[in-house]
Amino acid sequence: MPQLDTSTWFITITSMIITLFIMFQLKISKHSYLSNPESKSTKMMSHPTPWQSKWTKIYLPLSLPQQ
């Protein structure tokens, strides 16, 4: 039974890692980041909803009168 030749594994794994590193560096370098991001206003906007103008009451089963 022949043995597995592992003499080229080191060069293969090393070249793969270097290639992945270069690819990720190129991918990251294509992103443009804002130099000074401005903060957005966190003021809450009030939107009127149809149920805010009406008086509603939720009746739970436990709040009904006992029979």
C-alpha atoms as a PDB file:
ATOM      1  CA  MET A   1       0.000   0.000   0.000  1.00  0.00           C
ATOM      2  CA  PRO A   2       1.608   3.299  -1.060  1.00  0.00           C
ATOM      3  CA  GLN A   3       2.145   6.056   1.441  1.00  0.00           C
ATOM      4  CA  LEU A   4       0.572   9.470   1.100  1.00  0.00           C
ATOM      5  CA  ASP A   5       3.071  12.032  -0.131  1.00  0.00           C
ATOM      6  CA  THR A   6       2.821  15.048   2.206  1.00  0.00           C
ATOM      7  CA  SER A   7       5.875  16.929   0.987  1.00  0.00           C
ATOM      8  CA  THR A   8       3.818  19.529  -0.928  1.00  0.00           C
ATOM      9  CA  TRP A   9       1.253  20.166   1.802  1.00  0.00           C
ATOM     10  CA  PHE A  10       3.168  22.975   3.443  1.00  0.00           C
ATOM     11  CA  ILE A  11       3.561  24.983   0.243  1.00  0.00           C
ATOM     12  CA  THR A  12      -0.076  24.360  -0.731  1.00  0.00           C
ATOM     13  CA  ILE A  13      -1.509  25.464   2.616  1.00  0.00           C
ATOM     14  CA  THR A  14       0.815  28.469   2.837  1.00  0.00           C
ATOM     15  CA  SER A  15      -0.055  29.672  -0.654  1.00  0.00           C
ATOM     16  CA  MET A  16      -3.747  29.197   0.053  1.00  0.00           C
ATOM     17  CA  ILE A  17      -3.565  31.296   3.229  1.00  0.00           C
ATOM     18  CA  ILE A  18      -1.605  34.041   1.481  1.00  0.00           C
ATOM     19  CA  THR A  19      -4.088  34.076  -1.407  1.00  0.00           C
ATOM     20  CA  LEU A  20      -7.056  34.317   0.947  1.00  0.00           C
ATOM     21  CA  PHE A  21      -5.372  37.115   2.860  1.00  0.00           C
ATOM     22  CA  ILE A  22      -4.735  39.096  -0.343  1.00  0.00           C
ATOM     23  CA  MET A  23      -8.290  38.533  -1.572  1.00  0.00           C
ATOM     24  CA  PHE A  24      -9.790  39.761   1.689  1.00  0.00           C
ATOM     25  CA  GLN A  25      -7.494  42.780   1.722  1.00  0.00           C
ATOM     26  CA  LEU A  26      -8.575  43.706  -1.786  1.00  0.00           C
ATOM     27  CA  LYS A  27     -12.216  43.206  -0.897  1.00  0.00           C
ATOM     28  CA  ILE A  28     -11.949  45.369   2.212  1.00  0.00           C
ATOM     29  CA  SER A  29      -9.978  48.110   0.447  1.00  0.00           C
ATOM     30  CA  LYS A  30     -12.815  48.665  -2.042  1.00  0.00           C
ATOM     31  CA  HIS A  31     -15.145  49.861   0.723  1.00  0.00           C
ATOM     32  CA  SER A  32     -15.411  53.593   1.223  1.00  0.00           C
ATOM     33  CA  TYR A  33     -15.933  54.754   4.775  1.00  0.00           C
ATOM     34  CA  LEU A  34     -17.202  58.141   5.831  1.00  0.00           C
ATOM     35  CA  SER A  35     -14.501  60.216   7.455  1.00  0.00           C
ATOM     36  CA  ASN A  36     -16.833  62.025   9.856  1.00  0.00           C
ATOM     37  CA  PRO A  37     -20.257  60.421  10.228  1.00  0.00           C
ATOM     38  CA  GLU A  38     -22.940  62.780  11.459  1.00  0.00           C
ATOM     39  CA  SER A  39     -25.311  61.669  14.154  1.00  0.00           C
ATOM     40  CA  LYS A  40     -28.934  61.401  13.166  1.00  0.00           C
ATOM     41  CA  SER A  41     -31.667  63.086  15.085  1.00  0.00           C
ATOM     42  CA  THR A  42     -33.315  60.712  17.522  1.00  0.00           C
ATOM     43  CA  LYS A  43     -36.450  62.809  17.902  1.00  0.00           C
ATOM     44  CA  MET A  44     -39.555  60.642  17.882  1.00  0.00           C
ATOM     45  CA  MET A  45     -42.048  61.350  15.163  1.00  0.00           C
ATOM     46  CA  SER A  46     -45.662  61.142  16.275  1.00  0.00           C
ATOM     47  CA  HIS A  47     -47.955  59.581  13.690  1.00  0.00           C
ATOM     48  CA  PRO A  48     -51.650  59.745  14.461  1.00  0.00           C
ATOM     49  CA  THR A  49     -53.325  56.382  14.297  1.00  0.00           C
ATOM     50  CA  PRO A  50     -57.068  55.778  13.947  1.00  0.00           C
ATOM     51  CA  TRP A  51     -57.352  54.052  17.318  1.00  0.00           C
ATOM     52  CA  GLN A  52     -55.760  56.928  19.257  1.00  0.00           C
ATOM     53  CA  SER A  53     -58.794  59.155  18.795  1.00  0.00           C
ATOM     54  CA  LYS A  54     -61.249  56.531  20.064  1.00  0.00           C
ATOM     55  CA  TRP A  55     -61.757  55.277  23.586  1.00  0.00           C
ATOM     56  CA  THR A  56     -61.333  51.535  23.711  1.00  0.00           C
ATOM     57  CA  LYS A  57     -61.351  49.060  26.514  1.00  0.00           C
ATOM     58  CA  ILE A  58     -60.090  45.505  26.399  1.00  0.00           C
ATOM     59  CA  TYR A  59     -62.206  43.041  28.315  1.00  0.00           C
ATOM     60  CA  LEU A  60     -60.226  40.165  29.702  1.00  0.00           C
ATOM     61  CA  PRO A  61     -62.043  36.960  30.614  1.00  0.00           C
ATOM     62  CA  LEU A  62     -61.094  37.441  34.269  1.00  0.00           C
ATOM     63  CA  SER A  63     -62.526  40.959  34.402  1.00  0.00           C
ATOM     64  CA  LEU A  64     -65.997  39.850  33.333  1.00  0.00           C
ATOM     65  CA  PRO A  65     -68.591  39.608  36.096  1.00  0.00           C
ATOM     66  CA  GLN A  66     -68.891  36.285  37.820  1.00  0.00           C
ATOM     67  CA  GLN A  67     -71.971  34.227  36.904  1.00  0.00           C
END
